[in-house]
Amino acid sequence: MNIRLWFKNIGKRLVKSPKVFIRDSGLFHVLLNISNFDALLSHPVAAASWEGFVIENMFSCLPKEAYYWYIKTAAGAEIDLELEYKLEVFTLEIKRMLRPKLSKGLLIDCEDIVATQMFFV
């Protein structure tokens, strides 16, 4: 799956490469030879696997009229998923860590795109 990069000009340098996920997390784990949950938790791709799992579940619920992107600035601030539906703008930040916290860059990016709601998973 290829998630398009958000392209509106907000006066920031944006990274222009797409974000690529394997939609089937089981296939992703088999390709990496991850055989059980403990092996997954200790593997360097655990965070990417979690992000892909959350995004795939979001996509399974989205109406066909919804648009989605990801945003990443050259400075490193990133919004994992931006959804636009019926004039609403939702942002989704996905973290896999014991003590997650919102970054200042993320909050500034949410203000720049005028997000109506922000979710932190």
PDB file of N, CA and C in Angstrom:
ATOM      1  N   MET A   1       0.849  -1.153   0.000  1.00  0.00           N
ATOM      2  CA  MET A   1       0.000   0.000   0.000  1.00  0.00           C
ATOM      3  C   MET A   1       0.905   1.229   0.000  1.00  0.00           C
ATOM      4  N   ASN A   2       0.528   2.201  -0.733  1.00  0.00           N
ATOM      5  CA  ASN A   2       1.281   3.430  -0.860  1.00  0.00           C
ATOM      6  C   ASN A   2       0.419   4.569  -0.337  1.00  0.00           C
ATOM      7  N   ILE A   3       0.872   5.269   0.696  1.00  0.00           N
ATOM      8  CA  ILE A   3       0.135   6.419   1.218  1.00  0.00           C
ATOM      9  C   ILE A   3       0.750   7.672   0.616  1.00  0.00           C
ATOM     10  N   ARG A   4      -0.079   8.434  -0.057  1.00  0.00           N
ATOM     11  CA  ARG A   4       0.395   9.631  -0.739  1.00  0.00           C
ATOM     12  C   ARG A   4       0.856  10.686   0.259  1.00  0.00           C
ATOM     13  N   LEU A   5       1.799  11.463  -0.190  1.00  0.00           N
ATOM     14  CA  LEU A   5       2.301  12.572   0.607  1.00  0.00           C
ATOM     15  C   LEU A   5       1.354  13.750   0.466  1.00  0.00           C
ATOM     16  N   TRP A   6       1.093  14.421   1.563  1.00  0.00           N
ATOM     17  CA  TRP A   6       0.276  15.631   1.556  1.00  0.00           C
ATOM     18  C   TRP A   6       1.026  16.687   0.786  1.00  0.00           C
ATOM     19  N   PHE A   7       0.368  17.438  -0.073  1.00  0.00           N
ATOM     20  CA  PHE A   7       1.069  18.277  -1.025  1.00  0.00           C
ATOM     21  C   PHE A   7       0.743  19.752  -0.952  1.00  0.00           C
ATOM     22  N   LYS A   8      -0.150  20.189  -0.091  1.00  0.00           N
ATOM     23  CA  LYS A   8      -0.517  21.602  -0.037  1.00  0.00           C
ATOM     24  C   LYS A   8       0.657  22.421   0.468  1.00  0.00           C
ATOM     25  N   ASN A   9       0.786  23.625  -0.038  1.00  0.00           N
ATOM     26  CA  ASN A   9       1.904  24.483   0.334  1.00  0.00           C
ATOM     27  C   ASN A   9       1.586  25.192   1.645  1.00  0.00           C
ATOM     28  N   ILE A  10       2.339  24.886   2.682  1.00  0.00           N
ATOM     29  CA  ILE A  10       2.150  25.536   3.978  1.00  0.00           C
ATOM     30  C   ILE A  10       3.394  26.323   4.379  1.00  0.00           C
ATOM     31  N   GLY A  11       4.263  26.575   3.407  1.00  0.00           N
ATOM     32  CA  GLY A  11       5.461  27.351   3.691  1.00  0.00           C
ATOM     33  C   GLY A  11       6.558  26.554   4.361  1.00  0.00           C
ATOM     34  N   LYS A  12       6.496  25.240   4.267  1.00  0.00           N
ATOM     35  CA  LYS A  12       7.516  24.372   4.855  1.00  0.00           C
ATOM     36  C   LYS A  12       8.071  23.467   3.778  1.00  0.00           C
ATOM     37  N   ARG A  13       9.292  23.037   3.978  1.00  0.00           N
ATOM     38  CA  ARG A  13       9.860  22.031   3.082  1.00  0.00           C
ATOM     39  C   ARG A  13       9.317  20.678   3.488  1.00  0.00           C
ATOM     40  N   LEU A  14       8.708  19.993   2.540  1.00  0.00           N
ATOM     41  CA  LEU A  14       8.108  18.692   2.812  1.00  0.00           C
ATOM     42  C   LEU A  14       8.910  17.592   2.133  1.00  0.00           C
ATOM     43  N   VAL A  15       8.973  16.446   2.773  1.00  0.00           N
ATOM     44  CA  VAL A  15       9.577  15.262   2.171  1.00  0.00           C
ATOM     45  C   VAL A  15       8.586  14.750   1.135  1.00  0.00           C
ATOM     46  N   LYS A  16       9.060  14.392  -0.046  1.00  0.00           N
ATOM     47  CA  LYS A  16       8.149  14.045  -1.126  1.00  0.00           C
ATOM     48  C   LYS A  16       8.093  12.567  -1.461  1.00  0.00           C
ATOM     49  N   SER A  17       8.697  11.722  -0.666  1.00  0.00           N
ATOM     50  CA  SER A  17       8.645  10.283  -0.956  1.00  0.00           C
ATOM     51  C   SER A  17       7.410   9.669  -0.300  1.00  0.00           C
ATOM     52  N   PRO A  18       6.753   8.712  -0.986  1.00  0.00           N
ATOM     53  CA  PRO A  18       5.574   8.073  -0.400  1.00  0.00           C
ATOM     54  C   PRO A  18       5.960   7.132   0.733  1.00  0.00           C
ATOM     55  N   LYS A  19       4.990   6.833   1.570  1.00  0.00           N
ATOM     56  CA  LYS A  19       5.177   5.878   2.659  1.00  0.00           C
ATOM     57  C   LYS A  19       4.576   4.557   2.198  1.00  0.00           C
ATOM     58  N   VAL A  20       5.319   3.473   2.332  1.00  0.00           N
ATOM     59  CA  VAL A  20       4.878   2.185   1.819  1.00  0.00           C
ATOM     60  C   VAL A  20       4.674   1.211   2.978  1.00  0.00           C
ATOM     61  N   PHE A  21       3.529   0.504   2.959  1.00  0.00           N
ATOM     62  CA  PHE A  21       3.218  -0.497   3.967  1.00  0.00           C
ATOM     63  C   PHE A  21       2.825  -1.790   3.275  1.00  0.00           C
ATOM     64  N   ILE A  22       3.083  -2.906   3.929  1.00  0.00           N
ATOM     65  CA  ILE A  22       2.492  -4.175   3.521  1.00  0.00           C
ATOM     66  C   ILE A  22       1.209  -4.299   4.326  1.00  0.00           C
ATOM     67  N   ARG A  23       0.087  -4.364   3.634  1.00  0.00           N
ATOM     68  CA  ARG A  23      -1.210  -4.305   4.304  1.00  0.00           C
ATOM     69  C   ARG A  23      -1.484  -5.502   5.201  1.00  0.00           C
ATOM     70  N   ASP A  24      -0.927  -6.633   4.914  1.00  0.00           N
ATOM     71  CA  ASP A  24      -1.151  -7.841   5.700  1.00  0.00           C
ATOM     72  C   ASP A  24      -0.008  -7.990   6.701  1.00  0.00           C
ATOM     73  N   SER A  25      -0.282  -7.721   7.982  1.00  0.00           N
ATOM     74  CA  SER A  25       0.785  -7.766   8.982  1.00  0.00           C
ATOM     75  C   SER A  25       1.331  -9.186   9.156  1.00  0.00           C
ATOM     76  N   GLY A  26       0.499 -10.199   8.965  1.00  0.00           N
ATOM     77  CA  GLY A  26       0.977 -11.578   9.055  1.00  0.00           C
ATOM     78  C   GLY A  26       2.003 -11.874   7.971  1.00  0.00           C
ATOM     79  N   LEU A  27       1.725 -11.447   6.750  1.00  0.00           N
ATOM     80  CA  LEU A  27       2.667 -11.619   5.642  1.00  0.00           C
ATOM     81  C   LEU A  27       3.960 -10.849   5.913  1.00  0.00           C
ATOM     82  N   PHE A  28       3.817  -9.646   6.433  1.00  0.00           N
ATOM     83  CA  PHE A  28       4.976  -8.820   6.786  1.00  0.00           C
ATOM     84  C   PHE A  28       5.871  -9.557   7.774  1.00  0.00           C
ATOM     85  N   HIS A  29       5.277 -10.173   8.788  1.00  0.00           N
ATOM     86  CA  HIS A  29       6.047 -10.891   9.809  1.00  0.00           C
ATOM     87  C   HIS A  29       6.693 -12.151   9.248  1.00  0.00           C
ATOM     88  N   VAL A  30       5.996 -12.858   8.386  1.00  0.00           N
ATOM     89  CA  VAL A  30       6.564 -14.061   7.764  1.00  0.00           C
ATOM     90  C   VAL A  30       7.755 -13.692   6.890  1.00  0.00           C
ATOM     91  N   LEU A  31       7.622 -12.612   6.109  1.00  0.00           N
ATOM     92  CA  LEU A  31       8.726 -12.186   5.246  1.00  0.00           C
ATOM     93  C   LEU A  31       9.971 -11.825   6.053  1.00  0.00           C
ATOM     94  N   LEU A  32       9.768 -11.350   7.273  1.00  0.00           N
ATOM     95  CA  LEU A  32      10.894 -10.989   8.138  1.00  0.00           C
ATOM     96  C   LEU A  32      11.297 -12.120   9.077  1.00  0.00           C
ATOM     97  N   ASN A  33      10.658 -13.285   8.927  1.00  0.00           N
ATOM     98  CA  ASN A  33      10.956 -14.457   9.746  1.00  0.00           C
ATOM     99  C   ASN A  33      10.693 -14.197  11.233  1.00  0.00           C
ATOM    100  N   ILE A  34       9.615 -13.492  11.514  1.00  0.00           N
ATOM    101  CA  ILE A  34       9.192 -13.243  12.897  1.00  0.00           C
ATOM    102  C   ILE A  34       8.126 -14.283  13.215  1.00  0.00           C
ATOM    103  N   SER A  35       8.433 -15.195  14.115  1.00  0.00           N
ATOM    104  CA  SER A  35       7.565 -16.356  14.307  1.00  0.00           C
ATOM    105  C   SER A  35       6.604 -16.258  15.489  1.00  0.00           C
ATOM    106  N   ASN A  36       6.850 -15.351  16.429  1.00  0.00           N
ATOM    107  CA  ASN A  36       5.946 -15.247  17.573  1.00  0.00           C
ATOM    108  C   ASN A  36       5.947 -13.824  18.120  1.00  0.00           C
ATOM    109  N   PHE A  37       5.064 -13.600  19.089  1.00  0.00           N
ATOM    110  CA  PHE A  37       4.865 -12.257  19.630  1.00  0.00           C
ATOM    111  C   PHE A  37       6.127 -11.725  20.312  1.00  0.00           C
ATOM    112  N   ASP A  38       6.815 -12.562  21.060  1.00  0.00           N
ATOM    113  CA  ASP A  38       8.045 -12.128  21.736  1.00  0.00           C
ATOM    114  C   ASP A  38       9.113 -11.725  20.720  1.00  0.00           C
ATOM    115  N   ALA A  39       9.209 -12.484  19.638  1.00  0.00           N
ATOM    116  CA  ALA A  39      10.175 -12.145  18.586  1.00  0.00           C
ATOM    117  C   ALA A  39       9.809 -10.815  17.943  1.00  0.00           C
ATOM    118  N   LEU A  40       8.519 -10.553  17.777  1.00  0.00           N
ATOM    119  CA  LEU A  40       8.073  -9.282  17.196  1.00  0.00           C
ATOM    120  C   LEU A  40       8.437  -8.111  18.109  1.00  0.00           C
ATOM    121  N   LEU A  41       8.173  -8.264  19.403  1.00  0.00           N
ATOM    122  CA  LEU A  41       8.438  -7.167  20.339  1.00  0.00           C
ATOM    123  C   LEU A  41       9.917  -6.802  20.413  1.00  0.00           C
ATOM    124  N   SER A  42      10.789  -7.769  20.184  1.00  0.00           N
ATOM    125  CA  SER A  42      12.226  -7.489  20.254  1.00  0.00           C
ATOM    126  C   SER A  42      12.823  -7.131  18.896  1.00  0.00           C
ATOM    127  N   HIS A  43      12.008  -7.151  17.854  1.00  0.00           N
ATOM    128  CA  HIS A  43      12.500  -6.870  16.497  1.00  0.00           C
ATOM    129  C   HIS A  43      12.483  -5.358  16.226  1.00  0.00           C
ATOM    130  N   PRO A  44      13.455  -4.848  15.463  1.00  0.00           N
ATOM    131  CA  PRO A  44      13.501  -3.403  15.168  1.00  0.00           C
ATOM    132  C   PRO A  44      12.290  -2.871  14.391  1.00  0.00           C
ATOM    133  N   VAL A  45      11.514  -3.746  13.744  1.00  0.00           N
ATOM    134  CA  VAL A  45      10.364  -3.276  12.972  1.00  0.00           C
ATOM    135  C   VAL A  45       9.064  -3.299  13.775  1.00  0.00           C
ATOM    136  N   ALA A  46       9.133  -3.528  15.066  1.00  0.00           N
ATOM    137  CA  ALA A  46       7.916  -3.622  15.877  1.00  0.00           C
ATOM    138  C   ALA A  46       7.074  -2.353  15.764  1.00  0.00           C
ATOM    139  N   ALA A  47       7.707  -1.191  15.804  1.00  0.00           N
ATOM    140  CA  ALA A  47       6.960   0.069  15.709  1.00  0.00           C
ATOM    141  C   ALA A  47       6.323   0.223  14.328  1.00  0.00           C
ATOM    142  N   ALA A  48       7.049  -0.107  13.279  1.00  0.00           N
ATOM    143  CA  ALA A  48       6.499  -0.022  11.919  1.00  0.00           C
ATOM    144  C   ALA A  48       5.354  -1.019  11.740  1.00  0.00           C
ATOM    145  N   SER A  49       5.475  -2.184  12.327  1.00  0.00           N
ATOM    146  CA  SER A  49       4.418  -3.185  12.256  1.00  0.00           C
ATOM    147  C   SER A  49       3.155  -2.667  12.939  1.00  0.00           C
ATOM    148  N   TRP A  50       3.308  -2.066  14.104  1.00  0.00           N
ATOM    149  CA  TRP A  50       2.171  -1.507  14.840  1.00  0.00           C
ATOM    150  C   TRP A  50       1.517  -0.395  14.034  1.00  0.00           C
ATOM    151  N   GLU A  51       2.318   0.482  13.457  1.00  0.00           N
ATOM    152  CA  GLU A  51       1.789   1.585  12.656  1.00  0.00           C
ATOM    153  C   GLU A  51       1.004   1.044  11.457  1.00  0.00           C
ATOM    154  N   GLY A  52       1.559   0.066  10.769  1.00  0.00           N
ATOM    155  CA  GLY A  52       0.862  -0.531   9.641  1.00  0.00           C
ATOM    156  C   GLY A  52      -0.434  -1.204  10.045  1.00  0.00           C
ATOM    157  N   PHE A  53      -0.428  -1.876  11.184  1.00  0.00           N
ATOM    158  CA  PHE A  53      -1.636  -2.544  11.692  1.00  0.00           C
ATOM    159  C   PHE A  53      -2.737  -1.526  11.982  1.00  0.00           C
ATOM    160  N   VAL A  54      -2.382  -0.435  12.645  1.00  0.00           N
ATOM    161  CA  VAL A  54      -3.375   0.604  12.979  1.00  0.00           C
ATOM    162  C   VAL A  54      -3.914   1.242  11.706  1.00  0.00           C
ATOM    163  N   ILE A  55      -3.025   1.574  10.772  1.00  0.00           N
ATOM    164  CA  ILE A  55      -3.455   2.221   9.535  1.00  0.00           C
ATOM    165  C   ILE A  55      -4.346   1.286   8.719  1.00  0.00           C
ATOM    166  N   GLU A  56      -3.998   0.023   8.622  1.00  0.00           N
ATOM    167  CA  GLU A  56      -4.831  -0.929   7.881  1.00  0.00           C
ATOM    168  C   GLU A  56      -6.219  -1.022   8.497  1.00  0.00           C
ATOM    169  N   ASN A  57      -6.305  -1.035   9.819  1.00  0.00           N
ATOM    170  CA  ASN A  57      -7.616  -1.083  10.466  1.00  0.00           C
ATOM    171  C   ASN A  57      -8.404   0.198  10.235  1.00  0.00           C
ATOM    172  N   MET A  58      -7.727   1.324  10.187  1.00  0.00           N
ATOM    173  CA  MET A  58      -8.409   2.589   9.858  1.00  0.00           C
ATOM    174  C   MET A  58      -8.957   2.534   8.434  1.00  0.00           C
ATOM    175  N   PHE A  59      -8.146   2.049   7.494  1.00  0.00           N
ATOM    176  CA  PHE A  59      -8.581   1.985   6.100  1.00  0.00           C
ATOM    177  C   PHE A  59      -9.787   1.067   5.923  1.00  0.00           C
ATOM    178  N   SER A  60      -9.864   0.016   6.718  1.00  0.00           N
ATOM    179  CA  SER A  60     -10.990  -0.913   6.581  1.00  0.00           C
ATOM    180  C   SER A  60     -12.311  -0.266   6.997  1.00  0.00           C
ATOM    181  N   CYS A  61     -12.249   0.833   7.756  1.00  0.00           N
ATOM    182  CA  CYS A  61     -13.456   1.521   8.230  1.00  0.00           C
ATOM    183  C   CYS A  61     -13.771   2.799   7.456  1.00  0.00           C
ATOM    184  N   LEU A  62     -12.831   3.274   6.649  1.00  0.00           N
ATOM    185  CA  LEU A  62     -13.015   4.557   5.970  1.00  0.00           C
ATOM    186  C   LEU A  62     -14.051   4.474   4.852  1.00  0.00           C
ATOM    187  N   PRO A  63     -14.873   5.509   4.719  1.00  0.00           N
ATOM    188  CA  PRO A  63     -15.752   5.560   3.552  1.00  0.00           C
ATOM    189  C   PRO A  63     -14.937   5.836   2.289  1.00  0.00           C
ATOM    190  N   LYS A  64     -15.464   5.468   1.143  1.00  0.00           N
ATOM    191  CA  LYS A  64     -14.742   5.631  -0.119  1.00  0.00           C
ATOM    192  C   LYS A  64     -14.473   7.096  -0.453  1.00  0.00           C
ATOM    193  N   GLU A  65     -15.262   8.004   0.100  1.00  0.00           N
ATOM    194  CA  GLU A  65     -15.116   9.427  -0.199  1.00  0.00           C
ATOM    195  C   GLU A  65     -14.010  10.098   0.619  1.00  0.00           C
ATOM    196  N   ALA A  66     -13.406   9.380   1.541  1.00  0.00           N
ATOM    197  CA  ALA A  66     -12.365   9.961   2.401  1.00  0.00           C
ATOM    198  C   ALA A  66     -11.033   9.993   1.650  1.00  0.00           C
ATOM    199  N   TYR A  67     -10.277  11.039   1.887  1.00  0.00           N
ATOM    200  CA  TYR A  67      -8.934  11.174   1.338  1.00  0.00           C
ATOM    201  C   TYR A  67      -7.945  11.034   2.476  1.00  0.00           C
ATOM    202  N   TYR A  68      -6.778  10.483   2.187  1.00  0.00           N
ATOM    203  CA  TYR A  68      -5.787  10.295   3.245  1.00  0.00           C
ATOM    204  C   TYR A  68      -4.393  10.568   2.711  1.00  0.00           C
ATOM    205  N   TRP A  69      -3.537  11.074   3.613  1.00  0.00           N
ATOM    206  CA  TRP A  69      -2.155  11.391   3.298  1.00  0.00           C
ATOM    207  C   TRP A  69      -1.304  11.182   4.535  1.00  0.00           C
ATOM    208  N   TYR A  70      -0.014  11.303   4.345  1.00  0.00           N
ATOM    209  CA  TYR A  70       0.881  11.467   5.486  1.00  0.00           C
ATOM    210  C   TYR A  70       1.701  12.713   5.219  1.00  0.00           C
ATOM    211  N   ILE A  71       2.220  13.300   6.288  1.00  0.00           N
ATOM    212  CA  ILE A  71       2.977  14.544   6.176  1.00  0.00           C
ATOM    213  C   ILE A  71       4.303  14.353   6.893  1.00  0.00           C
ATOM    214  N   LYS A  72       5.381  14.763   6.238  1.00  0.00           N
ATOM    215  CA  LYS A  72       6.687  14.747   6.883  1.00  0.00           C
ATOM    216  C   LYS A  72       7.465  15.949   6.377  1.00  0.00           C
ATOM    217  N   THR A  73       7.954  16.759   7.308  1.00  0.00           N
ATOM    218  CA  THR A  73       8.732  17.926   6.926  1.00  0.00           C
ATOM    219  C   THR A  73      10.210  17.564   6.864  1.00  0.00           C
ATOM    220  N   ALA A  74      10.982  18.418   6.220  1.00  0.00           N
ATOM    221  CA  ALA A  74      12.425  18.198   6.118  1.00  0.00           C
ATOM    222  C   ALA A  74      13.072  18.243   7.503  1.00  0.00           C
ATOM    223  N   ALA A  75      12.435  18.939   8.449  1.00  0.00           N
ATOM    224  CA  ALA A  75      12.964  19.022   9.812  1.00  0.00           C
ATOM    225  C   ALA A  75      12.672  17.754  10.618  1.00  0.00           C
ATOM    226  N   GLY A  76      11.836  16.861  10.077  1.00  0.00           N
ATOM    227  CA  GLY A  76      11.578  15.593  10.753  1.00  0.00           C
ATOM    228  C   GLY A  76      10.230  15.479  11.423  1.00  0.00           C
ATOM    229  N   ALA A  77       9.444  16.573  11.498  1.00  0.00           N
ATOM    230  CA  ALA A  77       8.104  16.485  12.078  1.00  0.00           C
ATOM    231  C   ALA A  77       7.229  15.651  11.145  1.00  0.00           C
ATOM    232  N   GLU A  78       6.379  14.819  11.730  1.00  0.00           N
ATOM    233  CA  GLU A  78       5.614  13.880  10.917  1.00  0.00           C
ATOM    234  C   GLU A  78       4.221  13.690  11.488  1.00  0.00           C
ATOM    235  N   ILE A  79       3.239  13.618  10.598  1.00  0.00           N
ATOM    236  CA  ILE A  79       1.887  13.192  10.949  1.00  0.00           C
ATOM    237  C   ILE A  79       1.686  11.872  10.230  1.00  0.00           C
ATOM    238  N   ASP A  80       1.438  10.807  10.980  1.00  0.00           N
ATOM    239  CA  ASP A  80       1.364   9.468  10.397  1.00  0.00           C
ATOM    240  C   ASP A  80       0.214   9.317   9.419  1.00  0.00           C
ATOM    241  N   LEU A  81      -0.921   9.931   9.714  1.00  0.00           N
ATOM    242  CA  LEU A  81      -2.056   9.823   8.817  1.00  0.00           C
ATOM    243  C   LEU A  81      -2.932  11.058   8.973  1.00  0.00           C
ATOM    244  N   GLU A  82      -3.234  11.680   7.848  1.00  0.00           N
ATOM    245  CA  GLU A  82      -4.194  12.777   7.821  1.00  0.00           C
ATOM    246  C   GLU A  82      -5.372  12.313   6.989  1.00  0.00           C
ATOM    247  N   LEU A  83      -6.568  12.457   7.533  1.00  0.00           N
ATOM    248  CA  LEU A  83      -7.790  12.057   6.840  1.00  0.00           C
ATOM    249  C   LEU A  83      -8.648  13.277   6.597  1.00  0.00           C
ATOM    250  N   GLU A  84      -9.198  13.383   5.405  1.00  0.00           N
ATOM    251  CA  GLU A  84     -10.143  14.454   5.093  1.00  0.00           C
ATOM    252  C   GLU A  84     -11.444  13.812   4.646  1.00  0.00           C
ATOM    253  N   TYR A  85     -12.514  14.212   5.324  1.00  0.00           N
ATOM    254  CA  TYR A  85     -13.831  13.678   4.999  1.00  0.00           C
ATOM    255  C   TYR A  85     -14.887  14.694   5.396  1.00  0.00           C
ATOM    256  N   LYS A  86     -15.724  15.063   4.438  1.00  0.00           N
ATOM    257  CA  LYS A  86     -16.827  16.005   4.676  1.00  0.00           C
ATOM    258  C   LYS A  86     -16.363  17.264   5.394  1.00  0.00           C
ATOM    259  N   LEU A  87     -15.367  17.920   4.865  1.00  0.00           N
ATOM    260  CA  LEU A  87     -14.826  19.182   5.369  1.00  0.00           C
ATOM    261  C   LEU A  87     -14.191  19.076   6.752  1.00  0.00           C
ATOM    262  N   GLU A  88     -13.992  17.887   7.243  1.00  0.00           N
ATOM    263  CA  GLU A  88     -13.301  17.660   8.505  1.00  0.00           C
ATOM    264  C   GLU A  88     -11.891  17.169   8.205  1.00  0.00           C
ATOM    265  N   VAL A  89     -10.926  17.573   9.032  1.00  0.00           N
ATOM    266  CA  VAL A  89      -9.541  17.130   8.884  1.00  0.00           C
ATOM    267  C   VAL A  89      -9.134  16.451  10.192  1.00  0.00           C
ATOM    268  N   PHE A  90      -8.817  15.165  10.101  1.00  0.00           N
ATOM    269  CA  PHE A  90      -8.418  14.375  11.262  1.00  0.00           C
ATOM    270  C   PHE A  90      -6.950  14.001  11.114  1.00  0.00           C
ATOM    271  N   THR A  91      -6.219  14.076  12.204  1.00  0.00           N
ATOM    272  CA  THR A  91      -4.843  13.604  12.185  1.00  0.00           C
ATOM    273  C   THR A  91      -4.717  12.433  13.148  1.00  0.00           C
ATOM    274  N   LEU A  92      -3.850  11.507  12.781  1.00  0.00           N
ATOM    275  CA  LEU A  92      -3.639  10.317  13.582  1.00  0.00           C
ATOM    276  C   LEU A  92      -2.144  10.150  13.792  1.00  0.00           C
ATOM    277  N   GLU A  93      -1.723  10.141  15.028  1.00  0.00           N
ATOM    278  CA  GLU A  93      -0.323   9.907  15.382  1.00  0.00           C
ATOM    279  C   GLU A  93      -0.251   8.541  16.053  1.00  0.00           C
ATOM    280  N   ILE A  94       0.637   7.690  15.547  1.00  0.00           N
ATOM    281  CA  ILE A  94       0.732   6.304  16.027  1.00  0.00           C
ATOM    282  C   ILE A  94       2.113   6.090  16.635  1.00  0.00           C
ATOM    283  N   LYS A  95       2.153   5.664  17.882  1.00  0.00           N
ATOM    284  CA  LYS A  95       3.427   5.417  18.572  1.00  0.00           C
ATOM    285  C   LYS A  95       3.383   4.057  19.252  1.00  0.00           C
ATOM    286  N   ARG A  96       4.524   3.367  19.254  1.00  0.00           N
ATOM    287  CA  ARG A  96       4.665   2.136  20.021  1.00  0.00           C
ATOM    288  C   ARG A  96       5.834   2.320  20.971  1.00  0.00           C
ATOM    289  N   MET A  97       5.512   2.785  22.154  1.00  0.00           N
ATOM    290  CA  MET A  97       6.524   2.999  23.187  1.00  0.00           C
ATOM    291  C   MET A  97       5.848   3.034  24.547  1.00  0.00           C
ATOM    292  N   LEU A  98       6.629   2.887  25.592  1.00  0.00           N
ATOM    293  CA  LEU A  98       6.058   2.826  26.932  1.00  0.00           C
ATOM    294  C   LEU A  98       5.492   4.159  27.400  1.00  0.00           C
ATOM    295  N   ARG A  99       6.178   5.242  27.092  1.00  0.00           N
ATOM    296  CA  ARG A  99       5.730   6.571  27.520  1.00  0.00           C
ATOM    297  C   ARG A  99       5.657   7.510  26.315  1.00  0.00           C
ATOM    298  N   PRO A 100       4.654   7.343  25.478  1.00  0.00           N
ATOM    299  CA  PRO A 100       4.568   8.203  24.294  1.00  0.00           C
ATOM    300  C   PRO A 100       4.208   9.627  24.672  1.00  0.00           C
ATOM    301  N   LYS A 101       4.700  10.566  23.881  1.00  0.00           N
ATOM    302  CA  LYS A 101       4.330  11.960  24.088  1.00  0.00           C
ATOM    303  C   LYS A 101       4.295  12.669  22.741  1.00  0.00           C
ATOM    304  N   LEU A 102       3.466  13.669  22.677  1.00  0.00           N
ATOM    305  CA  LEU A 102       3.319  14.448  21.453  1.00  0.00           C
ATOM    306  C   LEU A 102       4.506  15.387  21.297  1.00  0.00           C
ATOM    307  N   SER A 103       5.003  15.473  20.085  1.00  0.00           N
ATOM    308  CA  SER A 103       6.126  16.376  19.827  1.00  0.00           C
ATOM    309  C   SER A 103       5.610  17.763  19.462  1.00  0.00           C
ATOM    310  N   LYS A 104       6.434  18.756  19.693  1.00  0.00           N
ATOM    311  CA  LYS A 104       6.076  20.131  19.351  1.00  0.00           C
ATOM    312  C   LYS A 104       5.868  20.263  17.840  1.00  0.00           C
ATOM    313  N   GLY A 105       6.706  19.593  17.053  1.00  0.00           N
ATOM    314  CA  GLY A 105       6.579  19.648  15.597  1.00  0.00           C
ATOM    315  C   GLY A 105       5.241  19.112  15.119  1.00  0.00           C
ATOM    316  N   LEU A 106       4.777  18.035  15.751  1.00  0.00           N
ATOM    317  CA  LEU A 106       3.477  17.464  15.390  1.00  0.00           C
ATOM    318  C   LEU A 106       2.364  18.462  15.671  1.00  0.00           C
ATOM    319  N   LEU A 107       2.409  19.092  16.825  1.00  0.00           N
ATOM    320  CA  LEU A 107       1.366  20.055  17.179  1.00  0.00           C
ATOM    321  C   LEU A 107       1.369  21.247  16.231  1.00  0.00           C
ATOM    322  N   ILE A 108       2.556  21.706  15.844  1.00  0.00           N
ATOM    323  CA  ILE A 108       2.648  22.820  14.897  1.00  0.00           C
ATOM    324  C   ILE A 108       2.093  22.407  13.533  1.00  0.00           C
ATOM    325  N   ASP A 109       2.431  21.195  13.082  1.00  0.00           N
ATOM    326  CA  ASP A 109       1.911  20.703  11.804  1.00  0.00           C
ATOM    327  C   ASP A 109       0.391  20.594  11.839  1.00  0.00           C
ATOM    328  N   CYS A 110      -0.179  20.153  12.950  1.00  0.00           N
ATOM    329  CA  CYS A 110      -1.636  20.060  13.072  1.00  0.00           C
ATOM    330  C   CYS A 110      -2.281  21.443  12.972  1.00  0.00           C
ATOM    331  N   GLU A 111      -1.646  22.443  13.543  1.00  0.00           N
ATOM    332  CA  GLU A 111      -2.146  23.812  13.414  1.00  0.00           C
ATOM    333  C   GLU A 111      -2.048  24.288  11.969  1.00  0.00           C
ATOM    334  N   ASP A 112      -0.939  23.974  11.294  1.00  0.00           N
ATOM    335  CA  ASP A 112      -0.729  24.409   9.916  1.00  0.00           C
ATOM    336  C   ASP A 112      -1.782  23.848   8.963  1.00  0.00           C
ATOM    337  N   ILE A 113      -2.188  22.610   9.164  1.00  0.00           N
ATOM    338  CA  ILE A 113      -3.171  22.012   8.258  1.00  0.00           C
ATOM    339  C   ILE A 113      -4.599  22.212   8.751  1.00  0.00           C
ATOM    340  N   VAL A 114      -4.761  22.913   9.855  1.00  0.00           N
ATOM    341  CA  VAL A 114      -6.058  23.232  10.453  1.00  0.00           C
ATOM    342  C   VAL A 114      -6.847  21.944  10.731  1.00  0.00           C
ATOM    343  N   ALA A 115      -6.230  21.072  11.497  1.00  0.00           N
ATOM    344  CA  ALA A 115      -6.882  19.810  11.872  1.00  0.00           C
ATOM    345  C   ALA A 115      -8.048  20.090  12.811  1.00  0.00           C
ATOM    346  N   THR A 116      -9.198  19.455  12.539  1.00  0.00           N
ATOM    347  CA  THR A 116     -10.355  19.633  13.396  1.00  0.00           C
ATOM    348  C   THR A 116     -10.320  18.662  14.583  1.00  0.00           C
ATOM    349  N   GLN A 117      -9.670  17.510  14.398  1.00  0.00           N
ATOM    350  CA  GLN A 117      -9.518  16.547  15.488  1.00  0.00           C
ATOM    351  C   GLN A 117      -8.188  15.834  15.353  1.00  0.00           C
ATOM    352  N   MET A 118      -7.606  15.509  16.500  1.00  0.00           N
ATOM    353  CA  MET A 118      -6.326  14.798  16.508  1.00  0.00           C
ATOM    354  C   MET A 118      -6.460  13.564  17.406  1.00  0.00           C
ATOM    355  N   PHE A 119      -5.984  12.428  16.892  1.00  0.00           N
ATOM    356  CA  PHE A 119      -6.026  11.182  17.645  1.00  0.00           C
ATOM    357  C   PHE A 119      -4.621  10.669  17.857  1.00  0.00           C
ATOM    358  N   PHE A 120      -4.381  10.110  19.025  1.00  0.00           N
ATOM    359  CA  PHE A 120      -3.062   9.588  19.402  1.00  0.00           C
ATOM    360  C   PHE A 120      -3.234   8.128  19.797  1.00  0.00           C
ATOM    361  N   VAL A 121      -2.643   7.226  19.020  1.00  0.00           N
ATOM    362  CA  VAL A 121      -2.800   5.788  19.272  1.00  0.00           C
ATOM    363  C   VAL A 121      -1.480   5.240  19.746  1.00  0.00           C
TER     364      VAL A 121
END
